[in-house]
């Protein structure tokens, strides 16, 4: 599954009404750690096809969505299941660490 870029227009369809859990990467172009997280996030999106939907929100172009989730630092990964937040990962994490955290979250939901 490819990454989905979230805007105000597709938020409800892609996040709130998703049949599977969604992990949202809140990021910005100017954020160094976000640039490091991007390739890791994209690679993992291919490994979790059908189990977890991967979405990205640019906090510069969609500040309302970032405010809705109370994002104060980026990168922030927020996991949504059945329309509500179930977990959050803040800051850069290498692939192995991020995969372990995602697996742990998925086991809990």
PDB file of N, CA and C in Angstrom:
ATOM      1  N   UNK A   1       0.853  -1.181   0.000  1.00  0.00           N
ATOM      2  CA  UNK A   1       0.000   0.000   0.000  1.00  0.00           C
ATOM      3  C   UNK A   1       0.895   1.237   0.000  1.00  0.00           C
ATOM      4  N   UNK A   2       0.539   2.189  -0.803  1.00  0.00           N
ATOM      5  CA  UNK A   2       1.327   3.416  -0.826  1.00  0.00           C
ATOM      6  C   UNK A   2       0.866   4.347   0.286  1.00  0.00           C
ATOM      7  N   UNK A   3       1.662   5.353   0.526  1.00  0.00           N
ATOM      8  CA  UNK A   3       1.324   6.331   1.547  1.00  0.00           C
ATOM      9  C   UNK A   3       0.164   7.202   1.077  1.00  0.00           C
ATOM     10  N   UNK A   4      -0.685   7.560   1.999  1.00  0.00           N
ATOM     11  CA  UNK A   4      -1.810   8.436   1.708  1.00  0.00           C
ATOM     12  C   UNK A   4      -1.500   9.793   2.323  1.00  0.00           C
ATOM     13  N   UNK A   5      -1.641  10.837   1.537  1.00  0.00           N
ATOM     14  CA  UNK A   5      -1.431  12.193   2.044  1.00  0.00           C
ATOM     15  C   UNK A   5      -2.784  12.739   2.492  1.00  0.00           C
ATOM     16  N   UNK A   6      -2.860  13.070   3.769  1.00  0.00           N
ATOM     17  CA  UNK A   6      -4.119  13.463   4.385  1.00  0.00           C
ATOM     18  C   UNK A   6      -4.301  14.981   4.338  1.00  0.00           C
ATOM     19  N   UNK A   7      -5.530  15.369   3.969  1.00  0.00           N
ATOM     20  CA  UNK A   7      -5.937  16.767   3.983  1.00  0.00           C
ATOM     21  C   UNK A   7      -7.267  16.845   4.724  1.00  0.00           C
ATOM     22  N   UNK A   8      -7.742  18.056   4.931  1.00  0.00           N
ATOM     23  CA  UNK A   8      -9.066  18.220   5.551  1.00  0.00           C
ATOM     24  C   UNK A   8     -10.135  17.494   4.729  1.00  0.00           C
ATOM     25  N   UNK A   9      -9.974  17.484   3.397  1.00  0.00           N
ATOM     26  CA  UNK A   9     -10.986  16.912   2.517  1.00  0.00           C
ATOM     27  C   UNK A   9     -11.089  15.387   2.628  1.00  0.00           C
ATOM     28  N   UNK A  10      -9.964  14.690   2.791  1.00  0.00           N
ATOM     29  CA  UNK A  10     -10.036  13.220   2.820  1.00  0.00           C
ATOM     30  C   UNK A  10      -9.855  12.636   4.222  1.00  0.00           C
ATOM     31  N   UNK A  11      -9.765  13.473   5.246  1.00  0.00           N
ATOM     32  CA  UNK A  11      -9.514  13.007   6.611  1.00  0.00           C
ATOM     33  C   UNK A  11     -10.559  12.002   7.084  1.00  0.00           C
ATOM     34  N   UNK A  12     -11.841  12.361   7.006  1.00  0.00           N
ATOM     35  CA  UNK A  12     -12.894  11.456   7.497  1.00  0.00           C
ATOM     36  C   UNK A  12     -12.877  10.126   6.762  1.00  0.00           C
ATOM     37  N   UNK A  13     -12.787  10.178   5.440  1.00  0.00           N
ATOM     38  CA  UNK A  13     -12.823   8.951   4.634  1.00  0.00           C
ATOM     39  C   UNK A  13     -11.631   8.044   4.947  1.00  0.00           C
ATOM     40  N   UNK A  14     -10.430   8.614   4.972  1.00  0.00           N
ATOM     41  CA  UNK A  14      -9.211   7.810   5.108  1.00  0.00           C
ATOM     42  C   UNK A  14      -8.857   7.458   6.552  1.00  0.00           C
ATOM     43  N   UNK A  15      -9.215   8.298   7.494  1.00  0.00           N
ATOM     44  CA  UNK A  15      -8.820   8.072   8.893  1.00  0.00           C
ATOM     45  C   UNK A  15     -10.006   7.594   9.744  1.00  0.00           C
ATOM     46  N   UNK A  16     -11.016   8.433   9.868  1.00  0.00           N
ATOM     47  CA  UNK A  16     -12.132   8.138  10.775  1.00  0.00           C
ATOM     48  C   UNK A  16     -12.886   6.876  10.352  1.00  0.00           C
ATOM     49  N   UNK A  17     -13.114   6.709   9.056  1.00  0.00           N
ATOM     50  CA  UNK A  17     -13.922   5.587   8.570  1.00  0.00           C
ATOM     51  C   UNK A  17     -13.078   4.441   8.006  1.00  0.00           C
ATOM     52  N   UNK A  18     -11.819   4.379   8.350  1.00  0.00           N
ATOM     53  CA  UNK A  18     -10.939   3.320   7.852  1.00  0.00           C
ATOM     54  C   UNK A  18     -11.323   1.973   8.471  1.00  0.00           C
ATOM     55  N   UNK A  19     -11.292   0.926   7.648  1.00  0.00           N
ATOM     56  CA  UNK A  19     -11.597  -0.432   8.126  1.00  0.00           C
ATOM     57  C   UNK A  19     -10.453  -1.030   8.940  1.00  0.00           C
ATOM     58  N   UNK A  20      -9.243  -0.514   8.742  1.00  0.00           N
ATOM     59  CA  UNK A  20      -8.075  -1.012   9.472  1.00  0.00           C
ATOM     60  C   UNK A  20      -7.435   0.152  10.226  1.00  0.00           C
ATOM     61  N   UNK A  21      -6.611  -0.141  11.247  1.00  0.00           N
ATOM     62  CA  UNK A  21      -5.939   0.944  11.962  1.00  0.00           C
ATOM     63  C   UNK A  21      -5.086   1.790  11.005  1.00  0.00           C
ATOM     64  N   UNK A  22      -4.883   3.040  11.390  1.00  0.00           N
ATOM     65  CA  UNK A  22      -4.106   3.981  10.587  1.00  0.00           C
ATOM     66  C   UNK A  22      -2.990   4.560  11.442  1.00  0.00           C
ATOM     67  N   UNK A  23      -1.794   4.658  10.863  1.00  0.00           N
ATOM     68  CA  UNK A  23      -0.706   5.364  11.535  1.00  0.00           C
ATOM     69  C   UNK A  23      -0.435   6.629  10.721  1.00  0.00           C
ATOM     70  N   UNK A  24      -0.507   7.771  11.398  1.00  0.00           N
ATOM     71  CA  UNK A  24      -0.327   9.062  10.732  1.00  0.00           C
ATOM     72  C   UNK A  24       1.027   9.637  11.123  1.00  0.00           C
ATOM     73  N   UNK A  25       1.810   9.997  10.121  1.00  0.00           N
ATOM     74  CA  UNK A  25       3.102  10.650  10.315  1.00  0.00           C
ATOM     75  C   UNK A  25       2.883  12.152  10.167  1.00  0.00           C
ATOM     76  N   UNK A  26       2.962  12.886  11.287  1.00  0.00           N
ATOM     77  CA  UNK A  26       2.895  14.342  11.252  1.00  0.00           C
ATOM     78  C   UNK A  26       4.318  14.845  11.036  1.00  0.00           C
ATOM     79  N   UNK A  27       4.536  15.616   9.977  1.00  0.00           N
ATOM     80  CA  UNK A  27       5.877  16.010   9.565  1.00  0.00           C
ATOM     81  C   UNK A  27       5.848  17.405   8.928  1.00  0.00           C
ATOM     82  N   UNK A  28       7.055  17.927   8.644  1.00  0.00           N
ATOM     83  CA  UNK A  28       7.198  19.185   7.904  1.00  0.00           C
ATOM     84  C   UNK A  28       8.474  19.110   7.076  1.00  0.00           C
ATOM     85  N   UNK A  29       8.483  19.815   5.963  1.00  0.00           N
ATOM     86  CA  UNK A  29       9.605  19.810   5.031  1.00  0.00           C
ATOM     87  C   UNK A  29      10.910  20.257   5.698  1.00  0.00           C
ATOM     88  N   UNK A  30      10.837  21.229   6.595  1.00  0.00           N
ATOM     89  CA  UNK A  30      12.021  21.815   7.230  1.00  0.00           C
ATOM     90  C   UNK A  30      12.579  20.983   8.385  1.00  0.00           C
ATOM     91  N   UNK A  31      11.895  19.918   8.764  1.00  0.00           N
ATOM     92  CA  UNK A  31      12.245  19.117   9.950  1.00  0.00           C
ATOM     93  C   UNK A  31      13.234  18.011   9.584  1.00  0.00           C
ATOM     94  N   UNK A  32      14.470  18.125  10.070  1.00  0.00           N
ATOM     95  CA  UNK A  32      15.505  17.123   9.791  1.00  0.00           C
ATOM     96  C   UNK A  32      15.126  15.706  10.202  1.00  0.00           C
ATOM     97  N   UNK A  33      14.717  15.500  11.464  1.00  0.00           N
ATOM     98  CA  UNK A  33      14.310  14.155  11.880  1.00  0.00           C
ATOM     99  C   UNK A  33      13.138  13.615  11.057  1.00  0.00           C
ATOM    100  N   UNK A  34      12.247  14.507  10.602  1.00  0.00           N
ATOM    101  CA  UNK A  34      11.127  14.079   9.747  1.00  0.00           C
ATOM    102  C   UNK A  34      11.651  13.543   8.423  1.00  0.00           C
ATOM    103  N   UNK A  35      12.687  14.192   7.886  1.00  0.00           N
ATOM    104  CA  UNK A  35      13.278  13.746   6.622  1.00  0.00           C
ATOM    105  C   UNK A  35      13.938  12.378   6.787  1.00  0.00           C
ATOM    106  N   UNK A  36      14.504  12.113   7.967  1.00  0.00           N
ATOM    107  CA  UNK A  36      15.101  10.807   8.241  1.00  0.00           C
ATOM    108  C   UNK A  36      14.007   9.741   8.418  1.00  0.00           C
ATOM    109  N   UNK A  37      12.888  10.129   9.008  1.00  0.00           N
ATOM    110  CA  UNK A  37      11.790   9.190   9.267  1.00  0.00           C
ATOM    111  C   UNK A  37      11.064   8.814   7.978  1.00  0.00           C
ATOM    112  N   UNK A  38      10.989   9.725   7.027  1.00  0.00           N
ATOM    113  CA  UNK A  38      10.233   9.510   5.794  1.00  0.00           C
ATOM    114  C   UNK A  38      10.512   8.185   5.099  1.00  0.00           C
ATOM    115  N   UNK A  39      11.784   7.879   4.754  1.00  0.00           N
ATOM    116  CA  UNK A  39      12.078   6.622   4.066  1.00  0.00           C
ATOM    117  C   UNK A  39      11.755   5.374   4.907  1.00  0.00           C
ATOM    118  N   UNK A  40      11.961   5.466   6.213  1.00  0.00           N
ATOM    119  CA  UNK A  40      11.652   4.342   7.110  1.00  0.00           C
ATOM    120  C   UNK A  40      10.143   4.101   7.109  1.00  0.00           C
ATOM    121  N   UNK A  41       9.378   5.176   7.236  1.00  0.00           N
ATOM    122  CA  UNK A  41       7.918   5.108   7.254  1.00  0.00           C
ATOM    123  C   UNK A  41       7.404   4.513   5.943  1.00  0.00           C
ATOM    124  N   UNK A  42       7.969   4.976   4.831  1.00  0.00           N
ATOM    125  CA  UNK A  42       7.541   4.484   3.517  1.00  0.00           C
ATOM    126  C   UNK A  42       7.865   3.001   3.337  1.00  0.00           C
ATOM    127  N   UNK A  43       9.041   2.587   3.766  1.00  0.00           N
ATOM    128  CA  UNK A  43       9.430   1.173   3.653  1.00  0.00           C
ATOM    129  C   UNK A  43       8.485   0.293   4.472  1.00  0.00           C
ATOM    130  N   UNK A  44       8.203   0.709   5.700  1.00  0.00           N
ATOM    131  CA  UNK A  44       7.318  -0.092   6.555  1.00  0.00           C
ATOM    132  C   UNK A  44       5.891  -0.131   6.011  1.00  0.00           C
ATOM    133  N   UNK A  45       5.478   0.907   5.292  1.00  0.00           N
ATOM    134  CA  UNK A  45       4.117   0.919   4.748  1.00  0.00           C
ATOM    135  C   UNK A  45       3.885  -0.272   3.819  1.00  0.00           C
ATOM    136  N   UNK A  46       4.922  -0.720   3.148  1.00  0.00           N
ATOM    137  CA  UNK A  46       4.810  -1.869   2.237  1.00  0.00           C
ATOM    138  C   UNK A  46       4.707  -3.185   3.011  1.00  0.00           C
ATOM    139  N   UNK A  47       5.321  -3.239   4.197  1.00  0.00           N
ATOM    140  CA  UNK A  47       5.320  -4.475   4.993  1.00  0.00           C
ATOM    141  C   UNK A  47       3.996  -4.730   5.717  1.00  0.00           C
ATOM    142  N   UNK A  48       3.218  -3.680   5.945  1.00  0.00           N
ATOM    143  CA  UNK A  48       1.998  -3.820   6.735  1.00  0.00           C
ATOM    144  C   UNK A  48       0.726  -3.709   5.888  1.00  0.00           C
ATOM    145  N   UNK A  49       0.850  -3.914   4.587  1.00  0.00           N
ATOM    146  CA  UNK A  49      -0.306  -3.829   3.698  1.00  0.00           C
ATOM    147  C   UNK A  49      -1.434  -4.729   4.203  1.00  0.00           C
ATOM    148  N   UNK A  50      -2.618  -4.137   4.319  1.00  0.00           N
ATOM    149  CA  UNK A  50      -3.790  -4.884   4.777  1.00  0.00           C
ATOM    150  C   UNK A  50      -3.940  -4.943   6.285  1.00  0.00           C
ATOM    151  N   UNK A  51      -2.875  -4.604   7.025  1.00  0.00           N
ATOM    152  CA  UNK A  51      -2.918  -4.638   8.489  1.00  0.00           C
ATOM    153  C   UNK A  51      -2.964  -3.242   9.091  1.00  0.00           C
ATOM    154  N   UNK A  52      -2.296  -2.296   8.415  1.00  0.00           N
ATOM    155  CA  UNK A  52      -2.150  -0.941   8.938  1.00  0.00           C
ATOM    156  C   UNK A  52      -2.016   0.020   7.761  1.00  0.00           C
ATOM    157  N   UNK A  53      -2.831   1.067   7.774  1.00  0.00           N
ATOM    158  CA  UNK A  53      -2.779   2.077   6.723  1.00  0.00           C
ATOM    159  C   UNK A  53      -1.795   3.168   7.150  1.00  0.00           C
ATOM    160  N   UNK A  54      -0.906   3.555   6.242  1.00  0.00           N
ATOM    161  CA  UNK A  54       0.098   4.576   6.518  1.00  0.00           C
ATOM    162  C   UNK A  54      -0.302   5.891   5.854  1.00  0.00           C
ATOM    163  N   UNK A  55      -0.363   6.949   6.656  1.00  0.00           N
ATOM    164  CA  UNK A  55      -0.786   8.255   6.161  1.00  0.00           C
ATOM    165  C   UNK A  55       0.190   9.330   6.629  1.00  0.00           C
ATOM    166  N   UNK A  56       0.270  10.411   5.865  1.00  0.00           N
ATOM    167  CA  UNK A  56       1.142  11.518   6.221  1.00  0.00           C
ATOM    168  C   UNK A  56       0.337  12.813   6.252  1.00  0.00           C
ATOM    169  N   UNK A  57       0.645  13.664   7.241  1.00  0.00           N
ATOM    170  CA  UNK A  57       0.043  14.990   7.331  1.00  0.00           C
ATOM    171  C   UNK A  57       1.173  16.002   7.409  1.00  0.00           C
ATOM    172  N   UNK A  58       1.214  16.882   6.418  1.00  0.00           N
ATOM    173  CA  UNK A  58       2.179  17.989   6.423  1.00  0.00           C
ATOM    174  C   UNK A  58       1.631  19.057   7.357  1.00  0.00           C
ATOM    175  N   UNK A  59       2.310  19.273   8.486  1.00  0.00           N
ATOM    176  CA  UNK A  59       1.808  20.203   9.498  1.00  0.00           C
ATOM    177  C   UNK A  59       1.811  21.649   9.017  1.00  0.00           C
ATOM    178  N   UNK A  60       2.581  21.944   7.983  1.00  0.00           N
ATOM    179  CA  UNK A  60       2.610  23.300   7.431  1.00  0.00           C
ATOM    180  C   UNK A  60       1.365  23.567   6.576  1.00  0.00           C
ATOM    181  N   UNK A  61       0.952  22.605   5.772  1.00  0.00           N
ATOM    182  CA  UNK A  61      -0.198  22.822   4.892  1.00  0.00           C
ATOM    183  C   UNK A  61      -1.525  22.405   5.534  1.00  0.00           C
ATOM    184  N   UNK A  62      -1.468  21.617   6.605  1.00  0.00           N
ATOM    185  CA  UNK A  62      -2.680  21.158   7.295  1.00  0.00           C
ATOM    186  C   UNK A  62      -2.576  21.389   8.813  1.00  0.00           C
ATOM    187  N   UNK A  63      -2.366  22.658   9.230  1.00  0.00           N
ATOM    188  CA  UNK A  63      -2.179  22.913  10.675  1.00  0.00           C
ATOM    189  C   UNK A  63      -3.405  22.571  11.521  1.00  0.00           C
ATOM    190  N   UNK A  64      -4.600  22.619  10.924  1.00  0.00           N
ATOM    191  CA  UNK A  64      -5.820  22.313  11.688  1.00  0.00           C
ATOM    192  C   UNK A  64      -5.820  20.865  12.162  1.00  0.00           C
ATOM    193  N   UNK A  65      -5.361  19.963  11.299  1.00  0.00           N
ATOM    194  CA  UNK A  65      -5.319  18.544  11.680  1.00  0.00           C
ATOM    195  C   UNK A  65      -4.289  18.342  12.788  1.00  0.00           C
ATOM    196  N   UNK A  66      -3.126  18.982  12.659  1.00  0.00           N
ATOM    197  CA  UNK A  66      -2.090  18.878  13.695  1.00  0.00           C
ATOM    198  C   UNK A  66      -2.624  19.407  15.029  1.00  0.00           C
ATOM    199  N   UNK A  67      -3.350  20.515  14.992  1.00  0.00           N
ATOM    200  CA  UNK A  67      -3.916  21.079  16.228  1.00  0.00           C
ATOM    201  C   UNK A  67      -4.963  20.143  16.821  1.00  0.00           C
ATOM    202  N   UNK A  68      -5.759  19.525  15.967  1.00  0.00           N
ATOM    203  CA  UNK A  68      -6.793  18.595  16.425  1.00  0.00           C
ATOM    204  C   UNK A  68      -6.185  17.468  17.266  1.00  0.00           C
ATOM    205  N   UNK A  69      -4.965  17.040  16.904  1.00  0.00           N
ATOM    206  CA  UNK A  69      -4.289  15.969  17.633  1.00  0.00           C
ATOM    207  C   UNK A  69      -3.322  16.486  18.696  1.00  0.00           C
ATOM    208  N   UNK A  70      -3.237  17.793  18.864  1.00  0.00           N
ATOM    209  CA  UNK A  70      -2.351  18.368  19.878  1.00  0.00           C
ATOM    210  C   UNK A  70      -0.885  18.095  19.598  1.00  0.00           C
ATOM    211  N   UNK A  71      -0.504  18.097  18.320  1.00  0.00           N
ATOM    212  CA  UNK A  71       0.887  17.832  17.945  1.00  0.00           C
ATOM    213  C   UNK A  71       1.751  19.009  18.375  1.00  0.00           C
ATOM    214  N   UNK A  72       2.753  18.739  19.203  1.00  0.00           N
ATOM    215  CA  UNK A  72       3.640  19.792  19.682  1.00  0.00           C
ATOM    216  C   UNK A  72       5.070  19.599  19.208  1.00  0.00           C
ATOM    217  N   UNK A  73       5.418  18.394  18.801  1.00  0.00           N
ATOM    218  CA  UNK A  73       6.750  18.107  18.282  1.00  0.00           C
ATOM    219  C   UNK A  73       6.634  17.142  17.120  1.00  0.00           C
ATOM    220  N   UNK A  74       7.516  17.309  16.148  1.00  0.00           N
ATOM    221  CA  UNK A  74       7.505  16.407  14.991  1.00  0.00           C
ATOM    222  C   UNK A  74       8.897  15.837  14.794  1.00  0.00           C
ATOM    223  N   UNK A  75       9.012  14.640  14.230  1.00  0.00           N
ATOM    224  CA  UNK A  75       7.899  13.812  13.774  1.00  0.00           C
ATOM    225  C   UNK A  75       7.117  13.206  14.933  1.00  0.00           C
ATOM    226  N   UNK A  76       5.825  13.101  14.727  1.00  0.00           N
ATOM    227  CA  UNK A  76       4.934  12.414  15.660  1.00  0.00           C
ATOM    228  C   UNK A  76       4.110  11.426  14.852  1.00  0.00           C
ATOM    229  N   UNK A  77       4.067  10.198  15.319  1.00  0.00           N
ATOM    230  CA  UNK A  77       3.259   9.162  14.678  1.00  0.00           C
ATOM    231  C   UNK A  77       2.088   8.860  15.606  1.00  0.00           C
ATOM    232  N   UNK A  78       0.890   8.981  15.075  1.00  0.00           N
ATOM    233  CA  UNK A  78      -0.317   8.741  15.860  1.00  0.00           C
ATOM    234  C   UNK A  78      -1.058   7.568  15.240  1.00  0.00           C
ATOM    235  N   UNK A  79      -1.412   6.588  16.069  1.00  0.00           N
ATOM    236  CA  UNK A  79      -2.146   5.413  15.597  1.00  0.00           C
ATOM    237  C   UNK A  79      -3.622   5.594  15.956  1.00  0.00           C
ATOM    238  N   UNK A  80      -4.468   5.494  14.922  1.00  0.00           N
ATOM    239  CA  UNK A  80      -5.915   5.656  15.068  1.00  0.00           C
ATOM    240  C   UNK A  80      -6.582   4.317  14.762  1.00  0.00           C
ATOM    241  N   UNK A  81      -7.511   3.921  15.626  1.00  0.00           N
ATOM    242  CA  UNK A  81      -8.279   2.695  15.391  1.00  0.00           C
ATOM    243  C   UNK A  81      -9.736   2.986  15.721  1.00  0.00           C
ATOM    244  N   UNK A  82     -10.608   2.696  14.775  1.00  0.00           N
ATOM    245  CA  UNK A  82     -12.046   2.950  14.941  1.00  0.00           C
ATOM    246  C   UNK A  82     -12.322   4.404  15.313  1.00  0.00           C
ATOM    247  N   UNK A  83     -11.574   5.309  14.670  1.00  0.00           N
ATOM    248  CA  UNK A  83     -11.823   6.732  14.837  1.00  0.00           C
ATOM    249  C   UNK A  83     -11.213   7.393  16.049  1.00  0.00           C
ATOM    250  N   UNK A  84     -10.477   6.640  16.868  1.00  0.00           N
ATOM    251  CA  UNK A  84      -9.866   7.282  18.052  1.00  0.00           C
ATOM    252  C   UNK A  84      -8.395   6.907  18.197  1.00  0.00           C
ATOM    253  N   UNK A  85      -7.654   7.800  18.841  1.00  0.00           N
ATOM    254  CA  UNK A  85      -6.227   7.575  19.032  1.00  0.00           C
ATOM    255  C   UNK A  85      -5.998   6.457  20.027  1.00  0.00           C
ATOM    256  N   UNK A  86      -5.114   5.504  19.657  1.00  0.00           N
ATOM    257  CA  UNK A  86      -4.792   4.403  20.561  1.00  0.00           C
ATOM    258  C   UNK A  86      -3.325   4.419  20.987  1.00  0.00           C
ATOM    259  N   UNK A  87      -2.483   5.135  20.251  1.00  0.00           N
ATOM    260  CA  UNK A  87      -1.073   5.202  20.627  1.00  0.00           C
ATOM    261  C   UNK A  87      -0.399   6.350  19.895  1.00  0.00           C
ATOM    262  N   UNK A  88       0.787   6.724  20.410  1.00  0.00           N
ATOM    263  CA  UNK A  88       1.554   7.822  19.828  1.00  0.00           C
ATOM    264  C   UNK A  88       3.042   7.542  20.000  1.00  0.00           C
ATOM    265  N   UNK A  89       3.808   7.810  18.947  1.00  0.00           N
ATOM    266  CA  UNK A  89       5.264   7.668  18.973  1.00  0.00           C
ATOM    267  C   UNK A  89       5.829   9.027  18.569  1.00  0.00           C
ATOM    268  N   UNK A  90       6.607   9.644  19.447  1.00  0.00           N
ATOM    269  CA  UNK A  90       7.142  10.974  19.163  1.00  0.00           C
ATOM    270  C   UNK A  90       8.650  10.893  18.949  1.00  0.00           C
ATOM    271  N   UNK A  91       9.116  11.553  17.893  1.00  0.00           N
ATOM    272  CA  UNK A  91      10.543  11.596  17.590  1.00  0.00           C
ATOM    273  C   UNK A  91      10.956  10.517  16.609  1.00  0.00           C
ATOM    274  N   UNK A  92      12.157  10.668  16.084  1.00  0.00           N
ATOM    275  CA  UNK A  92      12.678   9.703  15.123  1.00  0.00           C
ATOM    276  C   UNK A  92      12.957   8.367  15.795  1.00  0.00           C
ATOM    277  N   UNK A  93      12.655   7.289  15.080  1.00  0.00           N
ATOM    278  CA  UNK A  93      12.999   5.944  15.544  1.00  0.00           C
ATOM    279  C   UNK A  93      13.563   5.178  14.357  1.00  0.00           C
ATOM    280  N   UNK A  94      14.684   4.452  14.542  1.00  0.00           N
ATOM    281  CA  UNK A  94      15.200   3.628  13.452  1.00  0.00           C
ATOM    282  C   UNK A  94      14.197   2.532  13.088  1.00  0.00           C
ATOM    283  N   UNK A  95      14.366   1.972  11.907  1.00  0.00           N
ATOM    284  CA  UNK A  95      13.395   0.998  11.381  1.00  0.00           C
ATOM    285  C   UNK A  95      13.092  -0.135  12.355  1.00  0.00           C
ATOM    286  N   UNK A  96      14.112  -0.768  12.916  1.00  0.00           N
ATOM    287  CA  UNK A  96      13.885  -1.918  13.807  1.00  0.00           C
ATOM    288  C   UNK A  96      13.082  -1.512  15.045  1.00  0.00           C
ATOM    289  N   UNK A  97      13.379  -0.354  15.600  1.00  0.00           N
ATOM    290  CA  UNK A  97      12.677   0.128  16.795  1.00  0.00           C
ATOM    291  C   UNK A  97      11.230   0.468  16.445  1.00  0.00           C
ATOM    292  N   UNK A  98      11.046   1.155  15.327  1.00  0.00           N
ATOM    293  CA  UNK A  98       9.700   1.537  14.909  1.00  0.00           C
ATOM    294  C   UNK A  98       8.849   0.300  14.617  1.00  0.00           C
ATOM    295  N   UNK A  99       9.426  -0.677  13.955  1.00  0.00           N
ATOM    296  CA  UNK A  99       8.709  -1.925  13.645  1.00  0.00           C
ATOM    297  C   UNK A  99       8.285  -2.622  14.941  1.00  0.00           C
ATOM    298  N   UNK A 100       9.172  -2.665  15.911  1.00  0.00           N
ATOM    299  CA  UNK A 100       8.861  -3.299  17.203  1.00  0.00           C
ATOM    300  C   UNK A 100       7.706  -2.560  17.894  1.00  0.00           C
ATOM    301  N   UNK A 101       7.742  -1.225  17.863  1.00  0.00           N
ATOM    302  CA  UNK A 101       6.671  -0.444  18.496  1.00  0.00           C
ATOM    303  C   UNK A 101       5.340  -0.655  17.783  1.00  0.00           C
ATOM    304  N   UNK A 102       5.371  -0.663  16.448  1.00  0.00           N
ATOM    305  CA  UNK A 102       4.150  -0.880  15.675  1.00  0.00           C
ATOM    306  C   UNK A 102       3.569  -2.258  15.968  1.00  0.00           C
ATOM    307  N   UNK A 103       4.419  -3.283  15.985  1.00  0.00           N
ATOM    308  CA  UNK A 103       3.945  -4.644  16.274  1.00  0.00           C
ATOM    309  C   UNK A 103       3.301  -4.718  17.648  1.00  0.00           C
ATOM    310  N   UNK A 104       3.893  -4.060  18.615  1.00  0.00           N
ATOM    311  CA  UNK A 104       3.352  -4.039  19.977  1.00  0.00           C
ATOM    312  C   UNK A 104       1.981  -3.356  20.014  1.00  0.00           C
ATOM    313  N   UNK A 105       1.869  -2.252  19.309  1.00  0.00           N
ATOM    314  CA  UNK A 105       0.589  -1.520  19.270  1.00  0.00           C
ATOM    315  C   UNK A 105      -0.491  -2.378  18.605  1.00  0.00           C
ATOM    316  N   UNK A 106      -0.140  -3.015  17.480  1.00  0.00           N
ATOM    317  CA  UNK A 106      -1.121  -3.827  16.764  1.00  0.00           C
ATOM    318  C   UNK A 106      -1.610  -5.010  17.599  1.00  0.00           C
ATOM    319  N   UNK A 107      -0.743  -5.558  18.434  1.00  0.00           N
ATOM    320  CA  UNK A 107      -1.149  -6.686  19.303  1.00  0.00           C
ATOM    321  C   UNK A 107      -2.178  -6.237  20.340  1.00  0.00           C
ATOM    322  N   UNK A 108      -2.111  -4.951  20.723  1.00  0.00           N
ATOM    323  CA  UNK A 108      -2.988  -4.440  21.777  1.00  0.00           C
ATOM    324  C   UNK A 108      -4.383  -4.059  21.256  1.00  0.00           C
ATOM    325  N   UNK A 109      -4.510  -3.888  19.933  1.00  0.00           N
ATOM    326  CA  UNK A 109      -5.812  -3.433  19.416  1.00  0.00           C
ATOM    327  C   UNK A 109      -6.530  -4.532  18.646  1.00  0.00           C
TER     328      UNK A 109
END
